[in-house]
Amino acid sequence: MNKKKSLTIIIYSNLSIGGGGRETWLNNFVNSADILSYFEKITVVNALSVQEMGSKIIFPLTVQHKEIDVTAYGKIKRIIKFSRFCRRHLKEEINNPNHYVFCIGTFIDNIAASYGCFGSKCIKGTWIRGILEKELAQRRSGFMLSVIKLIEVFLLKISKIVISNGQDTADFYKLKGVDSTVINNGIYLDKFTQKQNGNPIVIGFIGRLNLEKGIDFFIDSLPSFIGVKNLKVIVAGDGSEKNHLIEAITKLKGQVEIQHLGVVDNDKIPALLATLDISIHLTGTGLLGGGGVSHSLIEAMASGNRIICWDNAIYNQVCGSSFFYKAKEDNLDSLNEVLKLAIETAAKENKPDTKMIESVKEYSFQHHVKSFLSLISQTITK
């Protein structure tokens, strides 16, 4: 007779649905009928570290939610507090070999999950949502970054299950001796519609305004829109480069129509994307880059947006990438050229990009969940 299957998700996040890809994923995941029926008990454990804009994720009544507020503590003490909090929760499942503990992140989340699972029969898994080394590169360097990288790899190697969100991410960690199963991100395709008509042509950058997302290149490309008629630019998000964006908007006032919306909750993203003719995605493969097939990309595809991106492994792994408007990575002139081509095409067609809508069908959330549950079923103890 099978023991009860149960799941704990550990995430160092404020759980704002405007927070980013992890929060988008979690909101979809815990509301999946297939997930809710497969596991007899689901718990989400998170740490509130800062006050972040945006509404909180709303969990189904059958999902337990346990949160600890660590805002009053320093960085090291936050990790300790969160780890102990997770340990207390997981004591309830210490002898259950069919209790799965997934940390949604490779560092603080993984430290907390590893401490919580130590000495237990639980199956600890790590879901790699991005490449930590690249995410930290703009804030850490030298000795501290090296230490974090060593800890991250150690924690991944002691995980019984490791999932990567894209083949490029899996390849990156494979070079560090970490094997993983690739499960691409997925979305609920029926949530996305198309309302573009090319009047005006709308270009959008939706996401965190950080260097790893390539916002600096997009900001530098804005002057190329001077003189382009019937064009509107929308930027939604917050981040370290917000002031850089505001300065550019001020300089171009009266020459280029640019609207900064700030943080937009994920439940409002489909309506926003439905109005975009062109969507910007500039995550790089260099030190200040990222990895994986992002939610923002496949959401834009489902909305019929024309995709502007770098010609690199992150985007070339995506089904339908041959139809993207690709620029040479980190090359502003090349970026300006593909932007011009996409604008001309959008103006000529006056409709959504049907090639994107067709290509994105592979990235349904139902398929995403099916892949996850298939992986879990291979580890169930009879």
Protein backbone atom coordinates (compact mmCIF):
# COMPACT_ATOMS: atom_id res chain seq x y z
CA MET A 1 0.00 0.00 0.00
CA ASN A 2 1.37 3.41 -0.94
CA LYS A 3 2.05 5.89 1.79
CA LYS A 4 0.38 9.23 1.35
CA LYS A 5 1.98 11.49 -1.23
CA SER A 6 2.53 14.97 0.09
CA LEU A 7 4.43 18.03 -1.06
CA THR A 8 6.13 20.98 0.58
CA ILE A 9 7.29 23.90 -1.55
CA ILE A 10 10.00 26.10 -0.01
CA ILE A 11 10.55 29.51 -1.54
CA TYR A 12 12.40 32.58 -0.27
CA SER A 13 9.95 35.09 -1.67
CA ASN A 14 7.29 37.57 -0.60
CA LEU A 15 4.86 35.77 -2.93
CA SER A 16 3.72 38.89 -4.73
CA ILE A 17 2.06 37.86 -7.99
CA GLY A 18 3.87 40.78 -9.58
CA GLY A 19 7.19 39.46 -8.31
CA GLY A 20 8.54 37.55 -11.30
CA GLY A 21 8.80 34.16 -12.96
CA ARG A 22 8.95 32.07 -9.78
CA GLU A 23 5.83 33.70 -8.43
CA THR A 24 4.04 33.29 -11.77
CA TRP A 25 4.93 29.62 -11.77
CA LEU A 26 3.90 29.05 -8.15
CA ASN A 27 0.54 30.75 -8.67
CA ASN A 28 -0.20 28.46 -11.61
CA PHE A 29 1.23 25.35 -9.95
CA VAL A 30 -0.73 25.40 -6.68
CA ASN A 31 -3.95 26.13 -8.57
CA SER A 32 -3.50 23.21 -10.97
CA ALA A 33 -6.30 20.65 -10.63
CA ASP A 34 -3.88 17.85 -11.52
CA ILE A 35 -1.43 18.86 -8.78
CA LEU A 36 -4.19 19.26 -6.19
CA SER A 37 -5.60 15.82 -6.95
CA TYR A 38 -2.22 14.05 -7.07
CA PHE A 39 -0.92 15.17 -3.68
CA GLU A 40 -3.05 14.54 -0.60
CA LYS A 41 -1.38 17.41 1.22
CA ILE A 42 0.38 20.50 -0.13
CA THR A 43 2.15 23.14 1.93
CA VAL A 44 3.92 26.31 0.79
CA VAL A 45 6.56 27.71 3.16
CA ASN A 46 8.01 31.14 2.43
CA ALA A 47 9.93 33.99 4.03
CA LEU A 48 8.83 37.60 3.87
CA SER A 49 12.08 39.55 3.49
CA VAL A 50 10.97 42.93 2.12
CA GLN A 51 7.71 44.66 1.38
CA GLU A 52 7.12 44.32 -2.36
CA MET A 53 4.49 45.93 -4.54
CA GLY A 54 1.71 43.79 -5.97
CA SER A 55 -1.05 41.55 -4.67
CA LYS A 56 -0.27 38.32 -2.85
CA ILE A 57 -0.77 34.89 -4.36
CA ILE A 58 -4.13 33.46 -3.30
CA PHE A 59 -3.87 29.78 -2.38
CA PRO A 60 -6.68 27.22 -2.70
CA LEU A 61 -8.31 26.26 0.61
CA THR A 62 -6.70 22.82 0.43
CA VAL A 63 -3.16 24.28 0.31
CA GLN A 64 -1.55 25.13 3.63
CA HIS A 65 0.52 28.31 3.69
CA LYS A 66 3.16 29.02 6.32
CA GLU A 67 5.08 32.29 6.27
CA ILE A 68 7.80 33.78 8.46
CA ASP A 69 8.61 37.49 8.52
CA VAL A 70 12.40 38.01 8.51
CA THR A 71 12.44 41.68 7.55
CA ALA A 72 13.84 42.74 10.94
CA TYR A 73 17.02 40.65 10.61
CA GLY A 74 20.33 40.87 8.76
CA LYS A 75 21.15 38.63 5.79
CA ILE A 76 22.76 35.73 7.68
CA LYS A 77 20.16 35.69 10.44
CA ARG A 78 17.38 35.69 7.83
CA ILE A 79 18.75 32.45 6.40
CA ILE A 80 19.04 30.91 9.87
CA LYS A 81 15.51 31.94 10.85
CA PHE A 82 14.01 30.65 7.60
CA SER A 83 15.92 27.35 7.82
CA ARG A 84 14.74 26.71 11.38
CA PHE A 85 11.20 27.61 10.38
CA CYS A 86 11.30 25.04 7.57
CA ARG A 87 12.79 22.44 9.92
CA ARG A 88 9.93 22.86 12.38
CA HIS A 89 7.35 22.35 9.65
CA LEU A 90 9.07 19.31 8.12
CA LYS A 91 9.26 17.46 11.45
CA GLU A 92 5.66 16.42 10.76
CA GLU A 93 6.80 14.40 7.73
CA ILE A 94 10.21 13.18 8.92
CA ASN A 95 9.39 9.47 8.49
CA ASN A 96 7.40 9.74 5.26
CA PRO A 97 9.50 8.59 2.26
CA ASN A 98 6.78 9.85 -0.08
CA HIS A 99 6.91 13.41 1.17
CA TYR A 100 8.49 15.62 -1.47
CA VAL A 101 10.23 18.84 -0.53
CA PHE A 102 10.95 21.13 -3.46
CA CYS A 103 12.94 24.32 -3.06
CA ILE A 104 12.24 26.81 -5.84
CA GLY A 105 15.71 28.26 -6.05
CA THR A 106 19.27 27.05 -5.61
CA PHE A 107 20.67 29.04 -2.69
CA ILE A 108 18.73 30.40 0.31
CA ASP A 109 15.72 28.24 -0.57
CA ASN A 110 18.02 25.22 -0.87
CA ILE A 111 19.85 25.90 2.38
CA ALA A 112 16.51 26.01 4.19
CA ALA A 113 15.22 22.87 2.47
CA SER A 114 18.44 20.93 3.09
CA TYR A 115 18.46 21.81 6.78
CA GLY A 116 14.78 21.03 7.04
CA CYS A 117 15.21 17.60 5.44
CA PHE A 118 18.43 16.62 7.24
CA GLY A 119 18.08 13.19 8.81
CA SER A 120 14.58 12.64 7.42
CA LYS A 121 13.20 10.20 4.86
CA CYS A 122 11.76 13.02 2.75
CA ILE A 123 12.73 13.33 -0.90
CA LYS A 124 14.36 16.72 -1.43
CA GLY A 125 14.26 18.23 -4.89
CA THR A 126 15.59 21.47 -6.32
CA TRP A 127 13.85 23.30 -9.15
CA ILE A 128 16.40 25.50 -10.88
CA ARG A 129 14.53 28.60 -12.03
CA GLY A 130 17.56 30.50 -13.29
CA ILE A 131 21.35 30.59 -13.19
CA LEU A 132 22.31 31.95 -9.77
CA GLU A 133 25.87 32.84 -10.74
CA LYS A 134 24.61 35.18 -13.44
CA GLU A 135 21.88 36.65 -11.28
CA LEU A 136 24.41 37.55 -8.57
CA ALA A 137 27.18 38.80 -10.86
CA GLN A 138 26.02 42.42 -10.78
CA ARG A 139 25.94 42.44 -6.95
CA ARG A 140 28.72 40.05 -5.93
CA SER A 141 32.26 39.37 -7.11
CA GLY A 142 35.53 37.77 -6.07
CA PHE A 143 35.73 35.60 -2.97
CA MET A 144 32.10 35.91 -1.87
CA LEU A 145 30.74 34.90 -5.29
CA SER A 146 33.12 31.91 -5.35
CA VAL A 147 31.89 30.74 -1.93
CA ILE A 148 28.24 31.06 -2.98
CA LYS A 149 28.91 29.06 -6.15
CA LEU A 150 30.57 26.25 -4.17
CA ILE A 151 27.68 26.08 -1.70
CA GLU A 152 25.13 26.09 -4.51
CA VAL A 153 26.76 23.16 -6.33
CA PHE A 154 27.09 21.16 -3.09
CA LEU A 155 23.40 21.66 -2.28
CA LEU A 156 22.39 20.64 -5.80
CA LYS A 157 24.48 17.48 -5.63
CA ILE A 158 22.75 16.33 -2.42
CA SER A 159 19.30 16.87 -3.96
CA LYS A 160 17.62 13.61 -4.98
CA ILE A 161 15.77 15.34 -7.83
CA VAL A 162 17.01 18.35 -9.81
CA ILE A 163 14.85 20.06 -12.43
CA SER A 164 16.05 22.74 -14.86
CA ASN A 165 13.74 25.23 -16.56
CA GLY A 166 15.52 24.97 -19.92
CA GLN A 167 18.17 23.02 -21.80
CA ASP A 168 20.65 25.89 -21.59
CA THR A 169 20.29 25.91 -17.80
CA ALA A 170 20.77 22.14 -17.65
CA ASP A 171 23.89 22.39 -19.83
CA PHE A 172 25.34 25.13 -17.59
CA TYR A 173 24.99 23.04 -14.44
CA LYS A 174 26.07 19.85 -16.22
CA LEU A 175 29.51 21.45 -16.60
CA LYS A 176 29.56 21.78 -12.80
CA GLY A 177 28.82 18.08 -12.34
CA VAL A 178 25.09 18.48 -11.68
CA ASP A 179 22.66 16.36 -13.70
CA SER A 180 19.08 17.54 -14.07
CA THR A 181 15.82 16.85 -15.85
CA VAL A 182 14.58 19.59 -18.17
CA ILE A 183 10.97 20.66 -17.70
CA ASN A 184 10.26 23.80 -19.67
CA ASN A 185 7.97 26.43 -18.23
CA GLY A 186 4.33 26.30 -19.22
CA ILE A 187 1.34 28.64 -19.17
CA TYR A 188 -2.44 28.36 -19.40
CA LEU A 189 -2.75 29.21 -23.07
CA ASP A 190 -6.47 29.97 -22.91
CA LYS A 191 -5.77 32.98 -20.66
CA PHE A 192 -4.07 34.85 -23.51
CA THR A 193 -5.79 36.70 -26.33
CA GLN A 194 -4.80 39.03 -29.15
CA LYS A 195 -6.18 42.52 -29.78
CA GLN A 196 -3.44 44.13 -31.87
CA ASN A 197 -4.40 46.16 -34.92
CA GLY A 198 -1.19 48.06 -35.64
CA ASN A 199 -2.72 51.44 -34.77
CA PRO A 200 -0.54 52.46 -33.08
CA ILE A 201 2.35 50.00 -33.18
CA VAL A 202 2.97 49.11 -29.52
CA ILE A 203 6.37 47.90 -28.30
CA GLY A 204 6.59 46.47 -24.79
CA PHE A 205 9.25 45.51 -22.27
CA ILE A 206 7.56 43.54 -19.47
CA GLY A 207 9.74 42.34 -16.60
CA ARG A 208 12.35 43.28 -14.05
CA LEU A 209 14.35 46.37 -14.96
CA ASN A 210 17.70 44.71 -14.21
CA LEU A 211 20.87 44.33 -16.24
CA GLU A 212 20.50 40.56 -16.63
CA LYS A 213 17.23 41.20 -18.48
CA GLY A 214 18.97 43.50 -20.97
CA ILE A 215 16.93 46.59 -20.06
CA ASP A 216 20.04 48.75 -20.52
CA PHE A 217 20.23 47.81 -24.20
CA PHE A 218 16.55 48.52 -24.70
CA ILE A 219 16.89 51.91 -23.01
CA ASP A 220 19.84 52.71 -25.28
CA SER A 221 17.72 51.75 -28.31
CA LEU A 222 14.92 54.20 -27.47
CA PRO A 223 16.46 57.14 -29.40
CA SER A 224 16.21 55.02 -32.58
CA PHE A 225 12.42 55.49 -32.38
CA ILE A 226 12.68 59.27 -32.86
CA GLY A 227 10.79 60.16 -36.02
CA VAL A 228 8.93 56.84 -36.22
CA LYS A 229 5.25 57.64 -36.66
CA ASN A 230 2.33 55.92 -34.97
CA LEU A 231 4.51 54.23 -32.34
CA LYS A 232 4.08 53.74 -28.59
CA VAL A 233 6.47 52.16 -26.07
CA ILE A 234 5.28 50.54 -22.83
CA VAL A 235 7.56 49.41 -20.00
CA ALA A 236 6.16 47.45 -17.05
CA GLY A 237 8.28 46.44 -14.09
CA ASP A 238 10.66 47.65 -11.42
CA GLY A 239 14.33 47.08 -10.69
CA SER A 240 17.81 48.50 -10.35
CA GLU A 241 17.72 50.33 -13.71
CA LYS A 242 14.46 52.16 -13.05
CA ASN A 243 16.16 55.55 -12.67
CA HIS A 244 18.10 54.97 -15.90
CA LEU A 245 14.77 54.39 -17.65
CA ILE A 246 13.14 57.48 -16.14
CA GLU A 247 16.09 59.62 -17.25
CA ALA A 248 15.71 58.32 -20.81
CA ILE A 249 11.96 58.96 -20.79
CA THR A 250 12.58 62.54 -19.63
CA LYS A 251 15.16 63.18 -22.35
CA LEU A 252 12.91 61.79 -25.08
CA LYS A 253 9.72 63.52 -23.94
CA GLY A 254 7.86 64.88 -26.95
CA GLN A 255 9.96 62.79 -29.36
CA VAL A 256 9.01 59.22 -28.41
CA GLU A 257 5.82 58.21 -26.59
CA ILE A 258 6.98 56.08 -23.65
CA GLN A 259 4.80 54.93 -20.76
CA HIS A 260 6.23 53.34 -17.59
CA LEU A 261 3.53 51.38 -15.76
CA GLY A 262 5.60 50.21 -12.80
CA VAL A 263 4.82 46.77 -11.36
CA VAL A 264 1.84 45.03 -12.97
CA ASP A 265 0.18 42.07 -11.22
CA ASN A 266 0.39 38.83 -13.17
CA ASP A 267 -3.39 38.55 -13.47
CA LYS A 268 -3.34 41.79 -15.48
CA ILE A 269 -0.46 40.78 -17.75
CA PRO A 270 -2.60 38.95 -20.39
CA ALA A 271 -4.67 42.08 -21.09
CA LEU A 272 -1.49 44.14 -21.41
CA LEU A 273 0.26 41.66 -23.71
CA ALA A 274 -2.83 41.46 -25.93
CA THR A 275 -2.17 45.08 -26.97
CA LEU A 276 1.52 44.62 -27.85
CA ASP A 277 2.66 44.20 -31.42
CA ILE A 278 6.29 43.68 -30.40
CA SER A 279 7.75 42.26 -27.18
CA ILE A 280 11.34 42.72 -26.00
CA HIS A 281 13.35 39.84 -24.47
CA LEU A 282 17.08 40.49 -24.02
CA THR A 283 18.41 38.08 -21.42
CA GLY A 284 22.05 37.45 -22.26
CA THR A 285 24.27 34.39 -21.95
CA GLY A 286 27.23 36.32 -20.54
CA LEU A 287 28.11 36.87 -16.88
CA LEU A 288 25.20 39.29 -16.48
CA GLY A 289 22.62 36.99 -18.00
CA GLY A 290 20.21 34.23 -17.19
CA GLY A 291 18.81 30.97 -18.44
CA GLY A 292 15.76 28.89 -19.21
CA VAL A 293 12.60 29.34 -21.24
CA SER A 294 10.95 32.25 -19.42
CA HIS A 295 7.27 32.72 -18.67
CA SER A 296 7.38 36.22 -20.09
CA LEU A 297 8.57 34.92 -23.45
CA ILE A 298 5.95 32.22 -23.90
CA GLU A 299 3.22 34.54 -22.62
CA ALA A 300 4.22 37.07 -25.28
CA MET A 301 4.17 34.35 -27.94
CA ALA A 302 0.69 33.22 -26.85
CA SER A 303 -0.44 36.84 -27.19
CA GLY A 304 0.72 37.02 -30.80
CA ASN A 305 3.60 39.42 -30.07
CA ARG A 306 6.54 39.61 -32.45
CA ILE A 307 9.59 38.63 -30.42
CA ILE A 308 12.75 40.74 -30.31
CA CYS A 309 15.62 38.82 -28.71
CA TRP A 310 19.30 38.01 -28.81
CA ASP A 311 20.56 35.28 -31.13
CA ASN A 312 21.77 32.96 -28.36
CA ALA A 313 21.18 29.58 -26.72
CA ILE A 314 18.47 30.89 -24.40
CA TYR A 315 16.15 31.79 -27.28
CA ASN A 316 17.34 29.33 -29.92
CA GLN A 317 16.10 26.41 -27.77
CA VAL A 318 12.50 27.66 -27.98
CA CYS A 319 10.00 26.09 -30.37
CA GLY A 320 9.26 28.78 -32.96
CA SER A 321 12.58 30.59 -32.47
CA SER A 322 13.18 30.64 -36.22
CA PHE A 323 10.43 33.27 -36.43
CA PHE A 324 11.96 35.55 -33.78
CA TYR A 325 13.62 38.84 -34.70
CA LYS A 326 17.13 38.09 -33.47
CA ALA A 327 19.94 40.57 -32.90
CA LYS A 328 23.60 39.82 -32.30
CA GLU A 329 24.00 39.58 -28.54
CA ASP A 330 25.08 42.82 -26.84
CA ASN A 331 25.13 44.65 -30.19
CA LEU A 332 23.07 47.85 -30.14
CA ASP A 333 23.28 48.46 -33.90
CA SER A 334 22.00 44.95 -34.59
CA LEU A 335 19.21 45.45 -32.05
CA ASN A 336 18.15 48.69 -33.72
CA GLU A 337 18.06 46.92 -37.11
CA VAL A 338 15.74 44.11 -35.98
CA LEU A 339 13.54 46.60 -34.14
CA LYS A 340 13.15 48.56 -37.36
CA LEU A 341 12.29 45.37 -39.28
CA ALA A 342 9.73 44.26 -36.69
CA ILE A 343 8.07 47.69 -36.68
CA GLU A 344 7.83 47.70 -40.47
CA THR A 345 6.36 44.18 -40.47
CA ALA A 346 3.82 45.00 -37.76
CA ALA A 347 2.73 48.12 -39.64
CA LYS A 348 2.31 46.14 -42.84
CA GLU A 349 0.40 43.20 -41.32
CA ASN A 350 -1.81 45.10 -38.82
CA LYS A 351 -2.55 41.90 -36.89
CA PRO A 352 -1.05 39.48 -34.33
CA ASP A 353 1.81 37.20 -35.34
CA THR A 354 0.01 33.90 -35.98
CA LYS A 355 3.32 32.01 -36.20
CA MET A 356 3.91 32.74 -32.52
CA ILE A 357 0.43 31.59 -31.51
CA GLU A 358 0.93 28.29 -33.31
CA SER A 359 4.46 27.69 -31.99
CA VAL A 360 3.61 28.24 -28.33
CA LYS A 361 1.17 25.31 -28.12
CA GLU A 362 4.01 23.08 -26.92
CA TYR A 363 4.28 25.15 -23.73
CA SER A 364 0.91 24.48 -22.13
CA PHE A 365 0.85 24.30 -18.34
CA GLN A 366 -0.98 20.99 -18.56
CA HIS A 367 2.03 19.51 -20.38
CA HIS A 368 4.36 21.09 -17.81
CA VAL A 369 2.49 19.46 -14.91
CA LYS A 370 2.30 16.11 -16.70
CA SER A 371 6.10 16.10 -17.09
CA PHE A 372 6.55 16.90 -13.39
CA LEU A 373 4.16 14.21 -12.17
CA SER A 374 5.75 11.65 -14.48
CA LEU A 375 9.11 12.41 -12.86
CA ILE A 376 7.62 12.15 -9.37
CA SER A 377 5.95 8.81 -10.15
CA GLN A 378 9.37 7.30 -10.87
CA THR A 379 10.46 7.90 -7.26
CA ILE A 380 7.39 6.76 -5.31
CA THR A 381 8.11 4.24 -2.56
CA LYS A 382 5.70 1.30 -2.56
